[in-house]
Amino acid sequence: MEENTKNYDEAIRGGTPMKERDLVFLDLELTGLNLNHEIIEIGGLVVDQKDLSIKEEFDFKIKPTHLETADPISLKMVHYNEEDWSGAIPLIDGLRKLEKLAYGKVLIGFNSAMDWSRLEKAYLDNGITMPPFYYLHPDIAGMCYLKLLNDPETVKFSLAELCKHYGIERDKSKEHNALEDARVSFELYKKIITI
């Protein structure tokens, strides 16, 4: 047990410096905005931080257990339907798959604080006390805010508005799809670190 704790601490806090770890551009889709709403999709990209090459993409549909508590507007936004979710997996399986893909890596996303809080709650609710990812998780929305703070043209900092600002094309039919939003977040990240 002590050896496992040591390995965990090295993977999560020590060992490899943050700048040398892979990035995981992560997005979650939910049944609503309240903390009791469920994760129904986990999607993202594993990216080599050094050359920004995509190593892997993933998208897991998660089987909701309390669809009766879902916000109908949120379900419509994420394009939820029984057919597309027919092969959905239990949340614990999705969390375990994510753990294998992202163990010790740096999670990054748009408005990552919201996704991080939902993910942390999901792990805790499933008996896993600490999410197995690097302890710092950068937020692309915050990076954009700092970059554009003095730009009088930019007043909204939504993903849609920032994509428009940086000329990133989005397929409207795929908005609020976890993998697609992670891809768009990655494109936005590349713009803000090079401009």
N, C-alpha and C. Protein backbone atom coordinates (compact mmCIF):
# COMPACT_ATOMS: atom_id res chain seq x y z
N MET A 1 0.82 -1.20 0.00
CA MET A 1 0.00 0.00 0.00
C MET A 1 0.87 1.26 0.00
N GLU A 2 1.95 1.24 0.79
CA GLU A 2 2.83 2.40 0.87
C GLU A 2 3.48 2.66 -0.49
N GLU A 3 3.86 1.60 -1.22
CA GLU A 3 4.46 1.74 -2.55
C GLU A 3 3.46 2.37 -3.52
N ASN A 4 2.19 1.94 -3.47
CA ASN A 4 1.16 2.51 -4.34
C ASN A 4 0.96 3.99 -4.06
N THR A 5 0.98 4.37 -2.77
CA THR A 5 0.83 5.77 -2.40
C THR A 5 1.99 6.59 -2.93
N LYS A 6 3.20 6.05 -2.85
CA LYS A 6 4.38 6.74 -3.36
C LYS A 6 4.27 6.93 -4.87
N ASN A 7 3.90 5.88 -5.60
CA ASN A 7 3.74 5.98 -7.05
C ASN A 7 2.66 7.00 -7.41
N TYR A 8 1.57 6.99 -6.65
CA TYR A 8 0.47 7.93 -6.89
C TYR A 8 0.96 9.35 -6.68
N ASP A 9 1.66 9.60 -5.57
CA ASP A 9 2.16 10.95 -5.28
C ASP A 9 3.11 11.43 -6.37
N GLU A 10 3.98 10.54 -6.87
CA GLU A 10 4.90 10.92 -7.94
C GLU A 10 4.15 11.24 -9.22
N ALA A 11 3.14 10.44 -9.53
CA ALA A 11 2.38 10.65 -10.76
C ALA A 11 1.56 11.93 -10.69
N ILE A 12 1.03 12.24 -9.54
CA ILE A 12 0.10 13.35 -9.43
C ILE A 12 0.79 14.66 -9.05
N ARG A 13 1.73 14.64 -8.16
CA ARG A 13 2.33 15.90 -7.70
C ARG A 13 3.82 16.00 -7.99
N GLY A 14 4.53 14.92 -7.90
CA GLY A 14 5.98 14.97 -8.04
C GLY A 14 6.44 14.40 -9.37
N GLY A 15 7.68 13.97 -9.40
CA GLY A 15 8.19 13.32 -10.60
C GLY A 15 8.32 14.28 -11.77
N THR A 16 7.70 13.93 -12.87
CA THR A 16 7.80 14.67 -14.12
C THR A 16 7.24 16.09 -13.96
N PRO A 17 8.01 17.11 -14.39
CA PRO A 17 7.49 18.49 -14.32
C PRO A 17 6.25 18.66 -15.20
N MET A 18 5.43 19.61 -14.84
CA MET A 18 4.16 19.86 -15.54
C MET A 18 4.38 20.10 -17.04
N LYS A 19 5.42 20.86 -17.39
CA LYS A 19 5.68 21.19 -18.78
C LYS A 19 6.06 19.98 -19.63
N GLU A 20 6.39 18.87 -19.00
CA GLU A 20 6.80 17.68 -19.73
C GLU A 20 5.71 16.61 -19.78
N ARG A 21 4.58 16.87 -19.19
CA ARG A 21 3.48 15.91 -19.17
C ARG A 21 2.57 16.11 -20.37
N ASP A 22 1.93 15.04 -20.79
CA ASP A 22 0.92 15.17 -21.83
C ASP A 22 -0.25 15.98 -21.30
N LEU A 23 -0.95 16.66 -22.22
CA LEU A 23 -2.15 17.41 -21.90
C LEU A 23 -3.36 16.57 -22.30
N VAL A 24 -4.42 16.65 -21.52
CA VAL A 24 -5.68 16.01 -21.88
C VAL A 24 -6.73 17.12 -21.97
N PHE A 25 -7.10 17.45 -23.22
CA PHE A 25 -8.15 18.43 -23.44
C PHE A 25 -9.46 17.70 -23.20
N LEU A 26 -10.13 18.08 -22.14
CA LEU A 26 -11.29 17.33 -21.65
C LEU A 26 -12.54 18.19 -21.69
N ASP A 27 -13.65 17.53 -22.03
CA ASP A 27 -14.94 18.19 -21.93
C ASP A 27 -15.96 17.17 -21.43
N LEU A 28 -16.85 17.65 -20.59
CA LEU A 28 -17.95 16.83 -20.09
C LEU A 28 -19.26 17.43 -20.56
N GLU A 29 -20.22 16.58 -20.82
CA GLU A 29 -21.58 17.05 -21.06
C GLU A 29 -22.44 16.53 -19.92
N LEU A 30 -23.40 17.35 -19.50
CA LEU A 30 -24.16 17.08 -18.29
C LEU A 30 -25.66 17.15 -18.54
N THR A 31 -26.43 16.62 -17.60
CA THR A 31 -27.88 16.69 -17.72
C THR A 31 -28.43 18.00 -17.17
N GLY A 32 -27.57 18.90 -16.75
CA GLY A 32 -27.98 20.19 -16.23
C GLY A 32 -26.82 20.88 -15.55
N LEU A 33 -27.07 22.06 -15.03
CA LEU A 33 -25.99 22.86 -14.44
C LEU A 33 -25.86 22.71 -12.93
N ASN A 34 -26.83 22.08 -12.27
CA ASN A 34 -26.74 21.89 -10.83
C ASN A 34 -25.77 20.76 -10.51
N LEU A 35 -25.21 20.81 -9.31
CA LEU A 35 -24.22 19.81 -8.92
C LEU A 35 -24.79 18.39 -8.87
N ASN A 36 -26.11 18.28 -8.70
CA ASN A 36 -26.71 16.95 -8.65
C ASN A 36 -27.02 16.40 -10.03
N HIS A 37 -26.83 17.19 -11.08
CA HIS A 37 -27.04 16.69 -12.43
C HIS A 37 -25.89 15.76 -12.82
N GLU A 38 -26.16 14.88 -13.75
CA GLU A 38 -25.24 13.80 -14.08
C GLU A 38 -24.34 14.10 -15.28
N ILE A 39 -23.17 13.46 -15.28
CA ILE A 39 -22.29 13.45 -16.45
C ILE A 39 -22.89 12.44 -17.43
N ILE A 40 -23.11 12.86 -18.68
CA ILE A 40 -23.62 11.90 -19.67
C ILE A 40 -22.68 11.72 -20.87
N GLU A 41 -21.57 12.46 -20.86
CA GLU A 41 -20.58 12.26 -21.91
C GLU A 41 -19.23 12.77 -21.44
N ILE A 42 -18.19 12.01 -21.74
CA ILE A 42 -16.81 12.38 -21.43
C ILE A 42 -16.04 12.27 -22.74
N GLY A 43 -15.45 13.37 -23.17
CA GLY A 43 -14.70 13.33 -24.42
C GLY A 43 -13.44 14.17 -24.33
N GLY A 44 -12.49 13.82 -25.18
CA GLY A 44 -11.27 14.61 -25.16
C GLY A 44 -10.18 14.11 -26.07
N LEU A 45 -9.05 14.78 -25.94
CA LEU A 45 -7.85 14.49 -26.73
C LEU A 45 -6.66 14.36 -25.79
N VAL A 46 -5.81 13.39 -26.03
CA VAL A 46 -4.53 13.31 -25.34
C VAL A 46 -3.51 13.91 -26.30
N VAL A 47 -2.80 14.95 -25.83
CA VAL A 47 -1.92 15.74 -26.70
C VAL A 47 -0.52 15.78 -26.11
N ASP A 48 0.48 15.57 -26.97
CA ASP A 48 1.88 15.73 -26.57
C ASP A 48 2.13 17.22 -26.40
N GLN A 49 2.52 17.63 -25.21
CA GLN A 49 2.68 19.05 -24.93
C GLN A 49 3.84 19.67 -25.70
N LYS A 50 4.84 18.85 -26.04
CA LYS A 50 6.02 19.40 -26.71
C LYS A 50 5.75 19.82 -28.14
N ASP A 51 5.07 18.96 -28.90
CA ASP A 51 4.85 19.28 -30.32
C ASP A 51 3.37 19.45 -30.68
N LEU A 52 2.50 19.36 -29.68
CA LEU A 52 1.05 19.52 -29.83
C LEU A 52 0.43 18.52 -30.82
N SER A 53 1.05 17.36 -30.91
CA SER A 53 0.45 16.31 -31.74
C SER A 53 -0.59 15.56 -30.92
N ILE A 54 -1.67 15.17 -31.60
CA ILE A 54 -2.74 14.42 -30.93
C ILE A 54 -2.34 12.95 -30.88
N LYS A 55 -2.27 12.41 -29.67
CA LYS A 55 -1.92 11.00 -29.48
C LYS A 55 -3.14 10.09 -29.52
N GLU A 56 -4.26 10.63 -29.02
CA GLU A 56 -5.47 9.81 -28.93
C GLU A 56 -6.68 10.70 -28.74
N GLU A 57 -7.82 10.24 -29.26
CA GLU A 57 -9.10 10.89 -29.04
C GLU A 57 -10.01 9.89 -28.35
N PHE A 58 -10.94 10.38 -27.53
CA PHE A 58 -11.88 9.49 -26.86
C PHE A 58 -13.21 10.18 -26.66
N ASP A 59 -14.26 9.39 -26.62
CA ASP A 59 -15.62 9.91 -26.40
C ASP A 59 -16.45 8.78 -25.82
N PHE A 60 -16.88 8.94 -24.58
CA PHE A 60 -17.69 7.92 -23.90
C PHE A 60 -19.06 8.48 -23.59
N LYS A 61 -20.07 7.84 -24.10
CA LYS A 61 -21.44 8.16 -23.72
C LYS A 61 -21.69 7.46 -22.38
N ILE A 62 -22.23 8.20 -21.42
CA ILE A 62 -22.47 7.69 -20.07
C ILE A 62 -23.97 7.50 -19.86
N LYS A 63 -24.31 6.33 -19.35
CA LYS A 63 -25.72 6.00 -19.11
C LYS A 63 -26.24 6.80 -17.91
N PRO A 64 -27.24 7.66 -18.14
CA PRO A 64 -27.81 8.39 -16.99
C PRO A 64 -28.63 7.45 -16.11
N THR A 65 -28.59 7.70 -14.81
CA THR A 65 -29.35 6.86 -13.89
C THR A 65 -30.58 7.58 -13.34
N HIS A 66 -30.61 8.90 -13.48
CA HIS A 66 -31.74 9.69 -12.99
C HIS A 66 -32.15 10.71 -14.05
N LEU A 67 -32.53 10.22 -15.19
CA LEU A 67 -32.93 11.09 -16.28
C LEU A 67 -34.13 11.96 -15.92
N GLU A 68 -34.91 11.49 -14.95
CA GLU A 68 -36.09 12.27 -14.53
C GLU A 68 -35.71 13.60 -13.88
N THR A 69 -34.48 13.73 -13.40
CA THR A 69 -34.04 14.98 -12.78
C THR A 69 -33.31 15.90 -13.76
N ALA A 70 -33.16 15.46 -14.99
CA ALA A 70 -32.43 16.23 -15.99
C ALA A 70 -33.18 17.50 -16.38
N ASP A 71 -32.43 18.50 -16.74
CA ASP A 71 -33.00 19.73 -17.26
C ASP A 71 -33.27 19.51 -18.76
N PRO A 72 -34.52 19.61 -19.20
CA PRO A 72 -34.84 19.36 -20.61
C PRO A 72 -34.07 20.25 -21.58
N ILE A 73 -33.79 21.48 -21.18
CA ILE A 73 -33.03 22.39 -22.04
C ILE A 73 -31.60 21.87 -22.22
N SER A 74 -31.00 21.40 -21.13
CA SER A 74 -29.65 20.85 -21.21
C SER A 74 -29.61 19.61 -22.09
N LEU A 75 -30.61 18.74 -21.94
CA LEU A 75 -30.66 17.53 -22.77
C LEU A 75 -30.76 17.88 -24.25
N LYS A 76 -31.53 18.91 -24.55
CA LYS A 76 -31.66 19.35 -25.95
C LYS A 76 -30.33 19.91 -26.45
N MET A 77 -29.67 20.69 -25.62
CA MET A 77 -28.38 21.29 -26.02
C MET A 77 -27.33 20.23 -26.33
N VAL A 78 -27.31 19.15 -25.55
CA VAL A 78 -26.30 18.11 -25.76
C VAL A 78 -26.76 17.03 -26.75
N HIS A 79 -27.92 17.27 -27.35
CA HIS A 79 -28.47 16.36 -28.37
C HIS A 79 -28.71 14.96 -27.81
N TYR A 80 -29.15 14.91 -26.55
CA TYR A 80 -29.41 13.60 -25.94
C TYR A 80 -30.61 12.93 -26.61
N ASN A 81 -30.42 11.65 -26.95
CA ASN A 81 -31.54 10.83 -27.42
C ASN A 81 -31.20 9.37 -27.13
N GLU A 82 -32.22 8.57 -26.94
CA GLU A 82 -32.02 7.18 -26.53
C GLU A 82 -31.21 6.39 -27.55
N GLU A 83 -31.40 6.67 -28.82
CA GLU A 83 -30.68 5.91 -29.85
C GLU A 83 -29.16 6.12 -29.75
N ASP A 84 -28.74 7.39 -29.67
CA ASP A 84 -27.31 7.68 -29.58
C ASP A 84 -26.69 7.18 -28.28
N TRP A 85 -27.50 7.07 -27.23
CA TRP A 85 -27.00 6.61 -25.93
C TRP A 85 -27.32 5.13 -25.69
N SER A 86 -27.73 4.41 -26.72
CA SER A 86 -28.10 3.00 -26.53
C SER A 86 -26.92 2.14 -26.08
N GLY A 87 -25.72 2.50 -26.47
CA GLY A 87 -24.54 1.75 -26.05
C GLY A 87 -23.78 2.42 -24.92
N ALA A 88 -24.44 3.34 -24.23
CA ALA A 88 -23.78 4.08 -23.15
C ALA A 88 -23.31 3.15 -22.04
N ILE A 89 -22.25 3.56 -21.38
CA ILE A 89 -21.65 2.75 -20.32
C ILE A 89 -21.94 3.39 -18.96
N PRO A 90 -21.87 2.61 -17.89
CA PRO A 90 -22.03 3.18 -16.55
C PRO A 90 -20.93 4.22 -16.26
N LEU A 91 -21.25 5.20 -15.44
CA LEU A 91 -20.31 6.25 -15.11
C LEU A 91 -18.99 5.69 -14.58
N ILE A 92 -19.04 4.70 -13.69
CA ILE A 92 -17.80 4.16 -13.12
C ILE A 92 -16.89 3.60 -14.21
N ASP A 93 -17.47 3.00 -15.24
CA ASP A 93 -16.65 2.48 -16.35
C ASP A 93 -16.02 3.63 -17.13
N GLY A 94 -16.77 4.70 -17.33
CA GLY A 94 -16.22 5.88 -18.01
C GLY A 94 -15.10 6.52 -17.21
N LEU A 95 -15.27 6.58 -15.90
CA LEU A 95 -14.23 7.15 -15.04
C LEU A 95 -12.97 6.30 -15.08
N ARG A 96 -13.13 4.99 -15.07
CA ARG A 96 -11.97 4.08 -15.13
C ARG A 96 -11.25 4.19 -16.48
N LYS A 97 -12.03 4.32 -17.56
CA LYS A 97 -11.41 4.49 -18.88
C LYS A 97 -10.64 5.81 -18.94
N LEU A 98 -11.24 6.86 -18.39
CA LEU A 98 -10.56 8.15 -18.37
C LEU A 98 -9.29 8.07 -17.53
N GLU A 99 -9.37 7.36 -16.43
CA GLU A 99 -8.19 7.20 -15.57
C GLU A 99 -7.04 6.55 -16.34
N LYS A 100 -7.33 5.51 -17.11
CA LYS A 100 -6.28 4.84 -17.89
C LYS A 100 -5.67 5.77 -18.93
N LEU A 101 -6.50 6.58 -19.56
CA LEU A 101 -6.02 7.50 -20.60
C LEU A 101 -5.25 8.68 -20.03
N ALA A 102 -5.64 9.15 -18.86
CA ALA A 102 -5.15 10.44 -18.38
C ALA A 102 -4.39 10.39 -17.06
N TYR A 103 -4.06 9.22 -16.56
CA TYR A 103 -3.38 9.10 -15.27
C TYR A 103 -2.10 9.96 -15.24
N GLY A 104 -2.04 10.88 -14.30
CA GLY A 104 -0.85 11.71 -14.13
C GLY A 104 -0.69 12.81 -15.16
N LYS A 105 -1.62 12.90 -16.08
CA LYS A 105 -1.53 13.92 -17.14
C LYS A 105 -2.22 15.21 -16.68
N VAL A 106 -1.98 16.29 -17.43
CA VAL A 106 -2.54 17.60 -17.10
C VAL A 106 -3.88 17.75 -17.82
N LEU A 107 -4.96 17.84 -17.05
CA LEU A 107 -6.27 18.08 -17.64
C LEU A 107 -6.39 19.57 -17.94
N ILE A 108 -6.89 19.88 -19.11
CA ILE A 108 -7.05 21.26 -19.53
C ILE A 108 -8.36 21.35 -20.31
N GLY A 109 -9.05 22.45 -20.17
CA GLY A 109 -10.31 22.57 -20.90
C GLY A 109 -10.86 23.98 -20.81
N PHE A 110 -11.99 24.16 -21.44
CA PHE A 110 -12.66 25.45 -21.41
C PHE A 110 -13.60 25.47 -20.22
N ASN A 111 -13.43 26.45 -19.34
CA ASN A 111 -14.17 26.51 -18.08
C ASN A 111 -13.92 25.23 -17.28
N SER A 112 -12.64 24.89 -17.16
CA SER A 112 -12.25 23.61 -16.56
C SER A 112 -12.65 23.48 -15.10
N ALA A 113 -12.84 24.60 -14.40
CA ALA A 113 -13.25 24.51 -12.99
C ALA A 113 -14.58 23.77 -12.86
N MET A 114 -15.50 24.05 -13.78
CA MET A 114 -16.80 23.38 -13.72
C MET A 114 -16.66 21.88 -13.99
N ASP A 115 -15.92 21.54 -15.05
CA ASP A 115 -15.73 20.12 -15.36
C ASP A 115 -14.96 19.42 -14.25
N TRP A 116 -13.92 20.10 -13.72
CA TRP A 116 -13.12 19.49 -12.66
C TRP A 116 -13.99 19.20 -11.43
N SER A 117 -14.85 20.15 -11.04
CA SER A 117 -15.68 19.92 -9.85
C SER A 117 -16.63 18.75 -10.08
N ARG A 118 -17.20 18.64 -11.27
CA ARG A 118 -18.09 17.53 -11.59
C ARG A 118 -17.35 16.20 -11.60
N LEU A 119 -16.16 16.23 -12.15
CA LEU A 119 -15.35 15.01 -12.23
C LEU A 119 -14.92 14.56 -10.84
N GLU A 120 -14.48 15.51 -10.04
CA GLU A 120 -14.06 15.19 -8.67
C GLU A 120 -15.24 14.60 -7.89
N LYS A 121 -16.41 15.19 -8.02
CA LYS A 121 -17.60 14.68 -7.34
C LYS A 121 -17.93 13.27 -7.84
N ALA A 122 -17.83 13.05 -9.14
CA ALA A 122 -18.13 11.74 -9.70
C ALA A 122 -17.18 10.67 -9.14
N TYR A 123 -15.90 11.00 -9.06
CA TYR A 123 -14.94 10.04 -8.49
C TYR A 123 -15.28 9.78 -7.02
N LEU A 124 -15.53 10.83 -6.27
CA LEU A 124 -15.86 10.66 -4.84
C LEU A 124 -17.15 9.84 -4.67
N ASP A 125 -18.17 10.14 -5.46
CA ASP A 125 -19.43 9.40 -5.38
C ASP A 125 -19.26 7.92 -5.70
N ASN A 126 -18.20 7.60 -6.44
CA ASN A 126 -17.94 6.21 -6.81
C ASN A 126 -16.82 5.58 -5.99
N GLY A 127 -16.53 6.21 -4.83
CA GLY A 127 -15.60 5.60 -3.88
C GLY A 127 -14.13 5.81 -4.19
N ILE A 128 -13.81 6.72 -5.09
CA ILE A 128 -12.41 7.01 -5.42
C ILE A 128 -12.11 8.38 -4.84
N THR A 129 -11.24 8.43 -3.82
CA THR A 129 -11.10 9.65 -3.03
C THR A 129 -10.36 10.78 -3.74
N MET A 130 -9.48 10.46 -4.68
CA MET A 130 -8.73 11.53 -5.34
C MET A 130 -8.65 11.23 -6.83
N PRO A 131 -9.12 12.11 -7.67
CA PRO A 131 -8.96 11.89 -9.11
C PRO A 131 -7.48 11.73 -9.46
N PRO A 132 -7.16 10.81 -10.34
CA PRO A 132 -5.77 10.42 -10.59
C PRO A 132 -5.06 11.26 -11.64
N PHE A 133 -5.25 12.57 -11.62
CA PHE A 133 -4.66 13.42 -12.63
C PHE A 133 -3.72 14.42 -11.96
N TYR A 134 -2.86 15.02 -12.77
CA TYR A 134 -1.97 16.04 -12.23
C TYR A 134 -2.81 17.09 -11.52
N TYR A 135 -2.32 17.60 -10.40
CA TYR A 135 -3.15 18.41 -9.51
C TYR A 135 -3.46 19.81 -10.03
N LEU A 136 -2.73 20.32 -10.98
CA LEU A 136 -3.05 21.61 -11.59
C LEU A 136 -3.79 21.36 -12.90
N HIS A 137 -4.83 22.14 -13.16
CA HIS A 137 -5.60 21.96 -14.38
C HIS A 137 -5.92 23.32 -14.97
N PRO A 138 -5.14 23.73 -15.98
CA PRO A 138 -5.31 25.06 -16.59
C PRO A 138 -6.68 25.23 -17.24
N ASP A 139 -7.10 26.48 -17.31
CA ASP A 139 -8.40 26.82 -17.88
C ASP A 139 -8.20 27.74 -19.09
N ILE A 140 -8.67 27.30 -20.24
CA ILE A 140 -8.51 28.07 -21.47
C ILE A 140 -9.32 29.36 -21.42
N ALA A 141 -10.49 29.34 -20.81
CA ALA A 141 -11.30 30.57 -20.68
C ALA A 141 -10.51 31.63 -19.92
N GLY A 142 -9.87 31.23 -18.84
CA GLY A 142 -9.06 32.17 -18.06
C GLY A 142 -7.86 32.70 -18.84
N MET A 143 -7.23 31.82 -19.62
CA MET A 143 -6.11 32.25 -20.46
C MET A 143 -6.57 33.31 -21.46
N CYS A 144 -7.72 33.06 -22.07
CA CYS A 144 -8.27 34.01 -23.05
C CYS A 144 -8.61 35.34 -22.38
N TYR A 145 -9.17 35.27 -21.20
CA TYR A 145 -9.51 36.49 -20.47
C TYR A 145 -8.27 37.34 -20.24
N LEU A 146 -7.19 36.71 -19.78
CA LEU A 146 -5.96 37.46 -19.54
C LEU A 146 -5.37 38.01 -20.83
N LYS A 147 -5.44 37.21 -21.89
CA LYS A 147 -4.90 37.63 -23.18
C LYS A 147 -5.68 38.80 -23.78
N LEU A 148 -7.00 38.79 -23.59
CA LEU A 148 -7.86 39.78 -24.23
C LEU A 148 -8.42 40.82 -23.27
N LEU A 149 -7.88 40.88 -22.09
CA LEU A 149 -8.38 41.79 -21.05
C LEU A 149 -8.50 43.23 -21.53
N ASN A 150 -7.52 43.69 -22.26
CA ASN A 150 -7.51 45.09 -22.71
C ASN A 150 -8.01 45.26 -24.14
N ASP A 151 -8.61 44.24 -24.70
CA ASP A 151 -9.15 44.31 -26.05
C ASP A 151 -10.59 44.82 -25.96
N PRO A 152 -10.86 46.05 -26.42
CA PRO A 152 -12.22 46.61 -26.28
C PRO A 152 -13.26 45.88 -27.11
N GLU A 153 -12.83 45.13 -28.13
CA GLU A 153 -13.76 44.41 -29.01
C GLU A 153 -14.35 43.18 -28.31
N THR A 154 -13.61 42.61 -27.37
CA THR A 154 -14.03 41.37 -26.74
C THR A 154 -14.73 41.67 -25.42
N VAL A 155 -16.01 41.34 -25.37
CA VAL A 155 -16.77 41.56 -24.14
C VAL A 155 -17.33 40.26 -23.57
N LYS A 156 -17.51 39.26 -24.43
CA LYS A 156 -18.00 37.95 -23.97
C LYS A 156 -16.87 36.93 -24.09
N PHE A 157 -16.83 36.03 -23.15
CA PHE A 157 -15.77 35.03 -23.14
C PHE A 157 -16.32 33.61 -23.22
N SER A 158 -17.40 33.46 -23.99
CA SER A 158 -17.94 32.12 -24.22
C SER A 158 -17.08 31.41 -25.26
N LEU A 159 -17.17 30.11 -25.32
CA LEU A 159 -16.41 29.34 -26.31
C LEU A 159 -16.79 29.80 -27.72
N ALA A 160 -18.08 30.00 -27.96
CA ALA A 160 -18.53 30.44 -29.29
C ALA A 160 -17.94 31.80 -29.66
N GLU A 161 -18.00 32.75 -28.74
CA GLU A 161 -17.49 34.09 -29.02
C GLU A 161 -15.98 34.10 -29.23
N LEU A 162 -15.26 33.32 -28.43
CA LEU A 162 -13.80 33.28 -28.57
C LEU A 162 -13.39 32.59 -29.87
N CYS A 163 -14.13 31.57 -30.26
CA CYS A 163 -13.85 30.93 -31.55
C CYS A 163 -14.06 31.92 -32.68
N LYS A 164 -15.12 32.71 -32.58
CA LYS A 164 -15.40 33.73 -33.59
C LYS A 164 -14.25 34.75 -33.62
N HIS A 165 -13.80 35.18 -32.45
CA HIS A 165 -12.71 36.16 -32.35
C HIS A 165 -11.43 35.65 -33.03
N TYR A 166 -11.11 34.36 -32.81
CA TYR A 166 -9.88 33.79 -33.35
C TYR A 166 -10.06 33.10 -34.70
N GLY A 167 -11.26 33.19 -35.28
CA GLY A 167 -11.48 32.62 -36.60
C GLY A 167 -11.48 31.10 -36.64
N ILE A 168 -11.95 30.48 -35.58
CA ILE A 168 -12.03 29.02 -35.52
C ILE A 168 -13.43 28.60 -35.97
N GLU A 169 -13.48 27.80 -37.01
CA GLU A 169 -14.75 27.32 -37.55
C GLU A 169 -15.34 26.25 -36.62
N ARG A 170 -16.65 26.35 -36.41
CA ARG A 170 -17.35 25.34 -35.60
C ARG A 170 -18.55 24.83 -36.37
N ASP A 171 -18.76 23.54 -36.28
CA ASP A 171 -19.95 22.92 -36.86
C ASP A 171 -21.06 23.06 -35.82
N LYS A 172 -22.05 23.90 -36.11
CA LYS A 172 -23.14 24.17 -35.15
C LYS A 172 -23.84 22.89 -34.69
N SER A 173 -23.94 21.91 -35.59
CA SER A 173 -24.64 20.67 -35.24
C SER A 173 -23.87 19.83 -34.23
N LYS A 174 -22.58 20.15 -34.04
CA LYS A 174 -21.75 19.37 -33.11
C LYS A 174 -21.42 20.12 -31.83
N GLU A 175 -21.97 21.33 -31.68
CA GLU A 175 -21.74 22.06 -30.43
C GLU A 175 -22.33 21.26 -29.28
N HIS A 176 -21.65 21.28 -28.17
CA HIS A 176 -22.04 20.53 -26.96
C HIS A 176 -21.96 19.02 -27.16
N ASN A 177 -21.04 18.60 -28.01
CA ASN A 177 -20.60 17.21 -28.08
C ASN A 177 -19.24 17.24 -27.40
N ALA A 178 -19.02 16.35 -26.45
CA ALA A 178 -17.81 16.43 -25.61
C ALA A 178 -16.53 16.38 -26.44
N LEU A 179 -16.43 15.44 -27.35
CA LEU A 179 -15.21 15.33 -28.15
C LEU A 179 -15.03 16.57 -29.04
N GLU A 180 -16.09 17.00 -29.67
CA GLU A 180 -16.00 18.16 -30.56
C GLU A 180 -15.63 19.42 -29.78
N ASP A 181 -16.21 19.63 -28.61
CA ASP A 181 -15.85 20.80 -27.81
C ASP A 181 -14.41 20.71 -27.32
N ALA A 182 -13.92 19.52 -27.04
CA ALA A 182 -12.51 19.35 -26.65
C ALA A 182 -11.61 19.70 -27.84
N ARG A 183 -12.00 19.28 -29.03
CA ARG A 183 -11.22 19.62 -30.23
C ARG A 183 -11.16 21.13 -30.44
N VAL A 184 -12.30 21.78 -30.29
CA VAL A 184 -12.37 23.24 -30.46
C VAL A 184 -11.54 23.93 -29.38
N SER A 185 -11.59 23.43 -28.16
CA SER A 185 -10.78 24.00 -27.07
C SER A 185 -9.30 23.87 -27.39
N PHE A 186 -8.90 22.75 -27.96
CA PHE A 186 -7.51 22.54 -28.37
C PHE A 186 -7.10 23.56 -29.44
N GLU A 187 -7.98 23.78 -30.42
CA GLU A 187 -7.69 24.76 -31.47
C GLU A 187 -7.56 26.16 -30.88
N LEU A 188 -8.40 26.49 -29.94
CA LEU A 188 -8.35 27.79 -29.26
C LEU A 188 -7.04 27.92 -28.46
N TYR A 189 -6.66 26.86 -27.77
CA TYR A 189 -5.41 26.84 -27.01
C TYR A 189 -4.22 27.12 -27.94
N LYS A 190 -4.20 26.46 -29.09
CA LYS A 190 -3.09 26.68 -30.02
C LYS A 190 -3.03 28.13 -30.49
N LYS A 191 -4.19 28.74 -30.70
CA LYS A 191 -4.22 30.15 -31.10
C LYS A 191 -3.67 31.06 -30.01
N ILE A 192 -4.11 30.85 -28.78
CA ILE A 192 -3.72 31.80 -27.72
C ILE A 192 -2.26 31.63 -27.27
N ILE A 193 -1.67 30.46 -27.49
CA ILE A 193 -0.27 30.33 -27.08
C ILE A 193 0.70 30.78 -28.18
N THR A 194 0.18 31.01 -29.39
CA THR A 194 1.08 31.42 -30.48
C THR A 194 0.88 32.86 -30.91
N ILE A 195 -0.24 33.48 -30.54
CA ILE A 195 -0.50 34.86 -30.97
C ILE A 195 0.08 35.83 -29.96
